[in-house]
Amino acid sequence: MNLDHLEALQARRSREKSRLADASTANEIAFRTREIAACEREIAGEYKFLGIAPLTLDEILMSDDELLAELLA
């Protein structure tokens, strides 16, 4: 499964969030907020297209023992 497009969308969202943090005018803040919302809609559509769901925080987090086991495997 090729996740390149999903990763590109997520990178774009990250860049837009960074730009929003640096925004200084009301117009720029509004624009960046709209761009982030658009990115999130595109990401949701990409997940649907790929037939997968985003990982939950519980699925991502590992205990120290689980991490060590994975590293040693």
Protein backbone atom coordinates (compact mmCIF):
# COMPACT_ATOMS: atom_id res chain seq x y z
CA MET A 1 0.00 0.00 0.00
CA ASN A 2 1.43 3.36 -1.03
CA LEU A 3 1.02 6.02 1.65
CA ASP A 4 3.04 8.74 -0.11
CA HIS A 5 0.06 11.00 -0.78
CA LEU A 6 -1.23 10.65 2.79
CA GLU A 7 2.22 11.50 4.14
CA ALA A 8 2.44 14.53 1.85
CA LEU A 9 -0.94 15.77 3.08
CA GLN A 10 0.11 15.31 6.70
CA ALA A 11 3.35 17.20 6.04
CA ARG A 12 1.38 20.02 4.41
CA ARG A 13 -0.92 20.21 7.45
CA SER A 14 2.12 20.38 9.72
CA ARG A 15 3.61 23.24 7.69
CA GLU A 16 0.31 25.12 7.74
CA LYS A 17 0.08 24.73 11.54
CA SER A 18 3.57 26.17 11.81
CA ARG A 19 2.63 29.07 9.57
CA LEU A 20 -0.52 29.64 11.64
CA ALA A 21 1.61 29.87 14.78
CA ASP A 22 3.69 32.57 13.08
CA ALA A 23 0.70 34.44 11.60
CA SER A 24 0.34 38.01 12.80
CA THR A 25 -2.67 39.47 10.99
CA ALA A 26 -6.32 38.49 11.27
CA ASN A 27 -6.47 37.78 7.53
CA GLU A 28 -3.47 35.48 7.66
CA ILE A 29 -4.80 33.67 10.72
CA ALA A 30 -8.15 33.12 8.97
CA PHE A 31 -6.42 31.93 5.80
CA ARG A 32 -4.16 29.47 7.64
CA THR A 33 -7.12 28.18 9.66
CA ARG A 34 -9.03 27.50 6.42
CA GLU A 35 -5.98 25.80 4.91
CA ILE A 36 -5.63 23.50 7.94
CA ALA A 37 -9.32 22.60 7.75
CA ALA A 38 -8.93 21.83 4.03
CA CYS A 39 -5.89 19.66 4.77
CA GLU A 40 -7.81 17.75 7.40
CA ARG A 41 -10.69 17.12 4.97
CA GLU A 42 -8.20 15.89 2.35
CA ILE A 43 -6.52 13.62 4.91
CA ALA A 44 -9.89 12.15 5.93
CA GLY A 45 -10.68 11.55 2.26
CA GLU A 46 -7.33 9.87 1.70
CA TYR A 47 -7.88 7.55 4.66
CA LYS A 48 -11.28 6.64 3.20
CA PHE A 49 -9.79 6.12 -0.26
CA LEU A 50 -7.10 3.85 1.17
CA GLY A 51 -9.66 1.95 3.24
CA ILE A 52 -7.76 2.46 6.49
CA ALA A 53 -8.39 4.35 9.70
CA PRO A 54 -6.01 6.67 11.51
CA LEU A 55 -4.25 5.10 14.45
CA THR A 56 -5.60 5.95 17.87
CA LEU A 57 -3.32 7.15 20.64
CA ASP A 58 -3.78 3.79 22.40
CA GLU A 59 -2.54 2.01 19.27
CA ILE A 60 0.50 4.26 19.01
CA LEU A 61 1.67 4.29 22.61
CA MET A 62 3.87 1.49 23.94
CA SER A 63 5.12 0.67 27.37
CA ASP A 64 8.86 0.60 27.95
CA ASP A 65 8.77 -3.21 27.99
CA GLU A 66 6.86 -3.35 24.69
CA LEU A 67 9.28 -0.93 23.08
CA LEU A 68 12.28 -2.90 24.29
CA ALA A 69 10.73 -6.15 23.00
CA GLU A 70 10.18 -4.57 19.57
CA LEU A 71 13.71 -3.23 19.43
CA LEU A 72 15.18 -6.60 20.32
CA ALA A 73 12.97 -8.55 17.88
